[in-house]
Amino acid sequence: MKKEWISFFKSIKEFRFTKKSVKKLIIITISCWLIGTGAGLLQLSMLGADPFSCMNWGISDLIGMGYGNWQLIVNILILIVVFFCSVKHIGYGTVANMILVGYSVQFTKWVAGKMGETNYSYVTQGVLLG
């Protein structure tokens, strides 16, 4: 386990911005944003969501906290467990997913709310189902 920790912190220390690493970071960011937008559209359409998102949405509504903030807190708690179990599986994608998905869901629902009162479930169901 000590070897995994050393390798993890060494990879962070040795990170350099190259064309390849910047390209990866851009792809990771766009991918996480699209995942969150899709999850937000699924919630707006009332087609349902994955169990983790559904749990987080219910708890965030119950305690009156924004979805993105609550999801980040839960993900940090999970990350702490993963640090002690298998640190080698943590990468830049892990951190980006932790931060971006919840906030992009919240942003998608905020944008939909700013578009005015309409029945989003039929509109988004039509878009998602084709």
N, C-alpha and C. Protein backbone atom coordinates (compact mmCIF):
# COMPACT_ATOMS: atom_id res chain seq x y z
N MET A 1 0.83 -1.19 0.00
CA MET A 1 0.00 0.00 0.00
C MET A 1 0.88 1.26 0.00
N LYS A 2 1.98 1.21 0.73
CA LYS A 2 2.87 2.36 0.79
C LYS A 2 3.42 2.67 -0.60
N LYS A 3 3.68 1.63 -1.38
CA LYS A 3 4.20 1.79 -2.73
C LYS A 3 3.17 2.53 -3.62
N GLU A 4 1.88 2.20 -3.46
CA GLU A 4 0.83 2.88 -4.22
C GLU A 4 0.78 4.36 -3.88
N TRP A 5 0.90 4.69 -2.59
CA TRP A 5 0.87 6.09 -2.16
C TRP A 5 2.03 6.86 -2.75
N ILE A 6 3.21 6.27 -2.70
CA ILE A 6 4.41 6.93 -3.25
C ILE A 6 4.23 7.17 -4.73
N SER A 7 3.73 6.16 -5.45
CA SER A 7 3.50 6.29 -6.88
C SER A 7 2.46 7.36 -7.19
N PHE A 8 1.41 7.43 -6.39
CA PHE A 8 0.34 8.41 -6.58
C PHE A 8 0.88 9.84 -6.44
N PHE A 9 1.56 10.10 -5.35
CA PHE A 9 2.07 11.45 -5.12
C PHE A 9 3.20 11.81 -6.08
N LYS A 10 3.95 10.81 -6.53
CA LYS A 10 5.00 11.05 -7.51
C LYS A 10 4.37 11.47 -8.85
N SER A 11 3.25 10.83 -9.23
CA SER A 11 2.60 11.18 -10.49
C SER A 11 2.04 12.60 -10.44
N ILE A 12 1.55 13.02 -9.28
CA ILE A 12 1.05 14.40 -9.14
C ILE A 12 2.21 15.38 -9.25
N LYS A 13 3.31 15.06 -8.59
CA LYS A 13 4.47 15.94 -8.57
C LYS A 13 5.08 16.08 -9.96
N GLU A 14 5.05 15.00 -10.73
CA GLU A 14 5.72 15.01 -12.04
C GLU A 14 4.79 15.41 -13.19
N PHE A 15 3.56 15.82 -12.89
CA PHE A 15 2.63 16.20 -13.96
C PHE A 15 3.14 17.42 -14.70
N ARG A 16 3.12 17.34 -16.00
CA ARG A 16 3.53 18.45 -16.86
C ARG A 16 2.43 18.71 -17.88
N PHE A 17 2.22 19.99 -18.19
CA PHE A 17 1.25 20.33 -19.21
C PHE A 17 1.88 20.15 -20.59
N THR A 18 1.53 19.06 -21.21
CA THR A 18 1.96 18.79 -22.58
C THR A 18 0.72 18.83 -23.46
N LYS A 19 0.92 18.74 -24.77
CA LYS A 19 -0.23 18.70 -25.68
C LYS A 19 -1.14 17.53 -25.34
N LYS A 20 -0.54 16.40 -25.06
CA LYS A 20 -1.32 15.19 -24.76
C LYS A 20 -2.10 15.33 -23.45
N SER A 21 -1.46 15.87 -22.42
CA SER A 21 -2.15 16.00 -21.13
C SER A 21 -3.25 17.05 -21.19
N VAL A 22 -3.03 18.13 -21.91
CA VAL A 22 -4.06 19.17 -22.06
C VAL A 22 -5.25 18.61 -22.83
N LYS A 23 -4.97 17.83 -23.87
CA LYS A 23 -6.04 17.20 -24.66
C LYS A 23 -6.86 16.26 -23.78
N LYS A 24 -6.19 15.48 -22.95
CA LYS A 24 -6.89 14.58 -22.03
C LYS A 24 -7.76 15.36 -21.05
N LEU A 25 -7.23 16.43 -20.49
CA LEU A 25 -7.99 17.24 -19.55
C LEU A 25 -9.22 17.88 -20.19
N ILE A 26 -9.08 18.32 -21.43
CA ILE A 26 -10.21 18.90 -22.14
C ILE A 26 -11.28 17.83 -22.39
N ILE A 27 -10.86 16.66 -22.83
CA ILE A 27 -11.81 15.57 -23.09
C ILE A 27 -12.50 15.14 -21.79
N ILE A 28 -11.75 15.04 -20.71
CA ILE A 28 -12.33 14.68 -19.41
C ILE A 28 -13.36 15.72 -18.98
N THR A 29 -13.04 16.99 -19.13
CA THR A 29 -13.95 18.07 -18.73
C THR A 29 -15.23 18.03 -19.55
N ILE A 30 -15.12 17.92 -20.85
CA ILE A 30 -16.30 17.87 -21.72
C ILE A 30 -17.14 16.64 -21.41
N SER A 31 -16.49 15.50 -21.21
CA SER A 31 -17.21 14.27 -20.91
C SER A 31 -17.99 14.37 -19.61
N CYS A 32 -17.36 14.88 -18.58
CA CYS A 32 -18.04 15.02 -17.29
C CYS A 32 -19.21 16.00 -17.40
N TRP A 33 -19.02 17.07 -18.16
CA TRP A 33 -20.10 18.03 -18.34
C TRP A 33 -21.27 17.39 -19.08
N LEU A 34 -20.99 16.58 -20.09
CA LEU A 34 -22.06 15.90 -20.83
C LEU A 34 -22.79 14.88 -19.97
N ILE A 35 -22.07 14.18 -19.12
CA ILE A 35 -22.70 13.23 -18.20
C ILE A 35 -23.68 13.98 -17.29
N GLY A 36 -23.25 15.10 -16.74
CA GLY A 36 -24.11 15.88 -15.86
C GLY A 36 -25.30 16.48 -16.58
N THR A 37 -25.10 16.95 -17.81
CA THR A 37 -26.20 17.50 -18.58
C THR A 37 -27.22 16.41 -18.88
N GLY A 38 -26.75 15.22 -19.24
CA GLY A 38 -27.65 14.10 -19.49
C GLY A 38 -28.44 13.71 -18.25
N ALA A 39 -27.76 13.68 -17.11
CA ALA A 39 -28.45 13.34 -15.86
C ALA A 39 -29.48 14.41 -15.50
N GLY A 40 -29.15 15.66 -15.74
CA GLY A 40 -30.10 16.74 -15.49
C GLY A 40 -31.32 16.64 -16.39
N LEU A 41 -31.11 16.32 -17.66
CA LEU A 41 -32.23 16.15 -18.59
C LEU A 41 -33.10 14.96 -18.19
N LEU A 42 -32.48 13.90 -17.72
CA LEU A 42 -33.26 12.76 -17.27
C LEU A 42 -34.12 13.12 -16.07
N GLN A 43 -33.59 13.92 -15.16
CA GLN A 43 -34.37 14.34 -14.01
C GLN A 43 -35.50 15.28 -14.43
N LEU A 44 -35.23 16.18 -15.37
CA LEU A 44 -36.27 17.09 -15.86
C LEU A 44 -37.39 16.34 -16.58
N SER A 45 -37.03 15.30 -17.30
CA SER A 45 -38.01 14.56 -18.08
C SER A 45 -38.84 13.61 -17.24
N MET A 46 -38.43 13.44 -16.00
CA MET A 46 -39.09 12.53 -15.08
C MET A 46 -39.03 11.08 -15.58
N LEU A 47 -37.99 10.78 -16.33
CA LEU A 47 -37.75 9.41 -16.76
C LEU A 47 -36.99 8.63 -15.70
N GLY A 48 -36.48 9.34 -14.71
CA GLY A 48 -35.74 8.68 -13.64
C GLY A 48 -34.26 9.01 -13.73
N ALA A 49 -33.53 8.52 -12.77
CA ALA A 49 -32.09 8.74 -12.72
C ALA A 49 -31.43 7.52 -12.11
N ASP A 50 -30.13 7.47 -12.18
CA ASP A 50 -29.42 6.37 -11.54
C ASP A 50 -29.59 6.46 -10.03
N PRO A 51 -29.46 5.35 -9.30
CA PRO A 51 -29.71 5.35 -7.86
C PRO A 51 -28.86 6.35 -7.07
N PHE A 52 -27.59 6.49 -7.43
CA PHE A 52 -26.70 7.40 -6.71
C PHE A 52 -27.16 8.84 -6.86
N SER A 53 -27.49 9.25 -8.09
CA SER A 53 -27.97 10.61 -8.32
C SER A 53 -29.31 10.84 -7.64
N CYS A 54 -30.17 9.83 -7.70
CA CYS A 54 -31.49 9.94 -7.08
C CYS A 54 -31.35 10.13 -5.56
N MET A 55 -30.48 9.36 -4.95
CA MET A 55 -30.24 9.49 -3.51
C MET A 55 -29.71 10.89 -3.18
N ASN A 56 -28.73 11.34 -3.96
CA ASN A 56 -28.15 12.66 -3.71
C ASN A 56 -29.17 13.77 -3.93
N TRP A 57 -30.02 13.63 -4.93
CA TRP A 57 -31.01 14.66 -5.19
C TRP A 57 -32.01 14.73 -4.03
N GLY A 58 -32.46 13.57 -3.56
CA GLY A 58 -33.40 13.54 -2.44
C GLY A 58 -32.82 14.13 -1.17
N ILE A 59 -31.58 13.77 -0.86
CA ILE A 59 -30.95 14.29 0.36
C ILE A 59 -30.69 15.78 0.24
N SER A 60 -30.24 16.24 -0.93
CA SER A 60 -29.97 17.67 -1.09
C SER A 60 -31.26 18.48 -0.98
N ASP A 61 -32.36 17.96 -1.50
CA ASP A 61 -33.66 18.64 -1.33
C ASP A 61 -34.08 18.63 0.13
N LEU A 62 -33.87 17.51 0.80
CA LEU A 62 -34.29 17.36 2.20
C LEU A 62 -33.55 18.34 3.12
N ILE A 63 -32.26 18.51 2.90
CA ILE A 63 -31.48 19.38 3.78
C ILE A 63 -31.36 20.81 3.25
N GLY A 64 -31.91 21.06 2.05
CA GLY A 64 -31.90 22.42 1.51
C GLY A 64 -30.56 22.87 0.97
N MET A 65 -29.76 21.94 0.51
CA MET A 65 -28.44 22.28 -0.04
C MET A 65 -28.48 22.07 -1.55
N GLY A 66 -27.70 22.84 -2.28
CA GLY A 66 -27.61 22.67 -3.72
C GLY A 66 -27.10 21.28 -4.08
N TYR A 67 -27.60 20.75 -5.17
CA TYR A 67 -27.24 19.40 -5.60
C TYR A 67 -25.74 19.26 -5.83
N GLY A 68 -25.14 20.23 -6.50
CA GLY A 68 -23.70 20.17 -6.78
C GLY A 68 -22.87 20.14 -5.51
N ASN A 69 -23.23 20.96 -4.53
CA ASN A 69 -22.50 20.98 -3.26
C ASN A 69 -22.63 19.66 -2.52
N TRP A 70 -23.86 19.14 -2.45
CA TRP A 70 -24.08 17.88 -1.74
C TRP A 70 -23.33 16.73 -2.43
N GLN A 71 -23.42 16.68 -3.76
CA GLN A 71 -22.73 15.61 -4.50
C GLN A 71 -21.23 15.69 -4.27
N LEU A 72 -20.68 16.89 -4.23
CA LEU A 72 -19.25 17.05 -3.97
C LEU A 72 -18.88 16.53 -2.58
N ILE A 73 -19.69 16.83 -1.58
CA ILE A 73 -19.41 16.35 -0.22
C ILE A 73 -19.43 14.83 -0.17
N VAL A 74 -20.44 14.22 -0.77
CA VAL A 74 -20.54 12.75 -0.79
C VAL A 74 -19.35 12.16 -1.53
N ASN A 75 -18.98 12.75 -2.66
CA ASN A 75 -17.85 12.24 -3.44
C ASN A 75 -16.54 12.37 -2.68
N ILE A 76 -16.37 13.43 -1.92
CA ILE A 76 -15.15 13.59 -1.11
C ILE A 76 -15.09 12.48 -0.06
N LEU A 77 -16.22 12.17 0.57
CA LEU A 77 -16.25 11.09 1.57
C LEU A 77 -15.89 9.75 0.93
N ILE A 78 -16.41 9.51 -0.26
CA ILE A 78 -16.08 8.26 -0.97
C ILE A 78 -14.61 8.26 -1.36
N LEU A 79 -14.09 9.41 -1.79
CA LEU A 79 -12.68 9.52 -2.18
C LEU A 79 -11.76 9.20 -1.01
N ILE A 80 -12.13 9.62 0.19
CA ILE A 80 -11.32 9.32 1.37
C ILE A 80 -11.22 7.81 1.57
N VAL A 81 -12.35 7.11 1.40
CA VAL A 81 -12.34 5.65 1.53
C VAL A 81 -11.44 5.02 0.46
N VAL A 82 -11.57 5.52 -0.78
CA VAL A 82 -10.76 4.98 -1.87
C VAL A 82 -9.27 5.25 -1.64
N PHE A 83 -8.92 6.37 -1.03
CA PHE A 83 -7.52 6.66 -0.71
C PHE A 83 -6.91 5.54 0.12
N PHE A 84 -7.68 5.01 1.04
CA PHE A 84 -7.15 3.97 1.92
C PHE A 84 -7.28 2.57 1.34
N CYS A 85 -8.18 2.38 0.40
CA CYS A 85 -8.38 1.04 -0.17
C CYS A 85 -7.52 0.81 -1.42
N SER A 86 -7.55 1.77 -2.34
CA SER A 86 -6.85 1.57 -3.61
C SER A 86 -6.57 2.91 -4.27
N VAL A 87 -5.53 3.55 -3.82
CA VAL A 87 -5.18 4.88 -4.30
C VAL A 87 -4.78 4.88 -5.78
N LYS A 88 -4.37 3.73 -6.30
CA LYS A 88 -3.91 3.67 -7.70
C LYS A 88 -5.04 3.91 -8.70
N HIS A 89 -6.29 3.82 -8.26
CA HIS A 89 -7.43 4.04 -9.16
C HIS A 89 -7.87 5.50 -9.22
N ILE A 90 -7.19 6.37 -8.52
CA ILE A 90 -7.54 7.79 -8.51
C ILE A 90 -6.70 8.51 -9.55
N GLY A 91 -7.37 9.23 -10.42
CA GLY A 91 -6.68 10.00 -11.45
C GLY A 91 -7.36 11.35 -11.64
N TYR A 92 -6.97 12.04 -12.68
CA TYR A 92 -7.54 13.35 -12.95
C TYR A 92 -9.02 13.24 -13.31
N GLY A 93 -9.39 12.17 -13.98
CA GLY A 93 -10.79 11.94 -14.32
C GLY A 93 -11.65 11.76 -13.08
N THR A 94 -11.09 11.13 -12.07
CA THR A 94 -11.82 10.94 -10.81
C THR A 94 -12.16 12.27 -10.18
N VAL A 95 -11.18 13.14 -10.11
CA VAL A 95 -11.38 14.45 -9.48
C VAL A 95 -12.32 15.30 -10.32
N ALA A 96 -12.17 15.28 -11.64
CA ALA A 96 -13.06 16.06 -12.51
C ALA A 96 -14.50 15.57 -12.38
N ASN A 97 -14.69 14.27 -12.37
CA ASN A 97 -16.03 13.71 -12.22
C ASN A 97 -16.63 14.11 -10.88
N MET A 98 -15.81 14.06 -9.86
CA MET A 98 -16.25 14.43 -8.52
C MET A 98 -16.80 15.84 -8.47
N ILE A 99 -16.17 16.75 -9.16
CA ILE A 99 -16.51 18.16 -9.08
C ILE A 99 -17.54 18.57 -10.14
N LEU A 100 -17.35 18.15 -11.37
CA LEU A 100 -18.14 18.70 -12.48
C LEU A 100 -19.53 18.12 -12.65
N VAL A 101 -19.72 16.84 -12.42
CA VAL A 101 -21.01 16.23 -12.74
C VAL A 101 -22.15 16.84 -11.93
N GLY A 102 -21.99 16.94 -10.63
CA GLY A 102 -23.05 17.50 -9.80
C GLY A 102 -23.39 18.93 -10.17
N TYR A 103 -22.37 19.73 -10.42
CA TYR A 103 -22.63 21.13 -10.76
C TYR A 103 -23.23 21.27 -12.16
N SER A 104 -22.88 20.38 -13.09
CA SER A 104 -23.48 20.48 -14.42
C SER A 104 -24.95 20.04 -14.39
N VAL A 105 -25.31 19.08 -13.53
CA VAL A 105 -26.72 18.73 -13.34
C VAL A 105 -27.47 19.94 -12.80
N GLN A 106 -26.92 20.55 -11.79
CA GLN A 106 -27.56 21.72 -11.17
C GLN A 106 -27.68 22.86 -12.19
N PHE A 107 -26.66 23.07 -12.99
CA PHE A 107 -26.68 24.12 -14.01
C PHE A 107 -27.75 23.84 -15.06
N THR A 108 -27.85 22.59 -15.50
CA THR A 108 -28.85 22.21 -16.51
C THR A 108 -30.26 22.51 -15.99
N LYS A 109 -30.52 22.15 -14.75
CA LYS A 109 -31.84 22.40 -14.18
C LYS A 109 -32.07 23.90 -13.98
N TRP A 110 -31.03 24.65 -13.66
CA TRP A 110 -31.15 26.10 -13.49
C TRP A 110 -31.49 26.76 -14.83
N VAL A 111 -30.79 26.35 -15.90
CA VAL A 111 -31.06 26.90 -17.23
C VAL A 111 -32.49 26.59 -17.64
N ALA A 112 -32.94 25.36 -17.39
CA ALA A 112 -34.31 24.98 -17.73
C ALA A 112 -35.31 25.83 -16.95
N GLY A 113 -35.01 26.13 -15.71
CA GLY A 113 -35.89 26.98 -14.90
C GLY A 113 -35.95 28.41 -15.42
N LYS A 114 -34.85 28.91 -15.97
CA LYS A 114 -34.81 30.27 -16.51
C LYS A 114 -35.54 30.39 -17.84
N MET A 115 -35.79 29.26 -18.48
CA MET A 115 -36.45 29.28 -19.79
C MET A 115 -37.95 29.51 -19.66
N GLY A 116 -38.46 29.52 -18.46
CA GLY A 116 -39.87 29.79 -18.25
C GLY A 116 -40.64 28.54 -17.87
N GLU A 117 -41.88 28.77 -17.48
CA GLU A 117 -42.73 27.65 -17.06
C GLU A 117 -43.25 26.92 -18.28
N THR A 118 -42.91 25.68 -18.39
CA THR A 118 -43.42 24.80 -19.44
C THR A 118 -43.33 23.38 -18.92
N ASN A 119 -43.91 22.48 -19.62
CA ASN A 119 -43.87 21.09 -19.20
C ASN A 119 -42.62 20.44 -19.77
N TYR A 120 -41.55 20.48 -19.00
CA TYR A 120 -40.27 19.95 -19.47
C TYR A 120 -40.30 18.45 -19.66
N SER A 121 -41.15 17.78 -18.92
CA SER A 121 -41.12 16.32 -19.01
C SER A 121 -41.43 15.86 -20.43
N TYR A 122 -42.42 16.45 -21.10
CA TYR A 122 -42.75 16.02 -22.46
C TYR A 122 -41.69 16.44 -23.47
N VAL A 123 -41.19 17.66 -23.30
CA VAL A 123 -40.16 18.15 -24.22
C VAL A 123 -38.90 17.31 -24.11
N THR A 124 -38.40 17.12 -22.90
CA THR A 124 -37.15 16.37 -22.74
C THR A 124 -37.35 14.88 -23.01
N GLN A 125 -38.52 14.35 -22.73
CA GLN A 125 -38.77 12.95 -23.07
C GLN A 125 -38.70 12.78 -24.58
N GLY A 126 -39.29 13.73 -25.32
CA GLY A 126 -39.24 13.66 -26.77
C GLY A 126 -37.82 13.74 -27.31
N VAL A 127 -37.02 14.61 -26.70
CA VAL A 127 -35.62 14.75 -27.15
C VAL A 127 -34.83 13.51 -26.80
N LEU A 128 -35.01 12.99 -25.57
CA LEU A 128 -34.22 11.84 -25.14
C LEU A 128 -34.65 10.54 -25.80
N LEU A 129 -35.91 10.39 -26.04
CA LEU A 129 -36.42 9.14 -26.62
C LEU A 129 -36.48 9.17 -28.14
N GLY A 130 -36.38 10.37 -28.73
CA GLY A 130 -36.35 10.51 -30.18
C GLY A 130 -37.68 10.47 -30.74
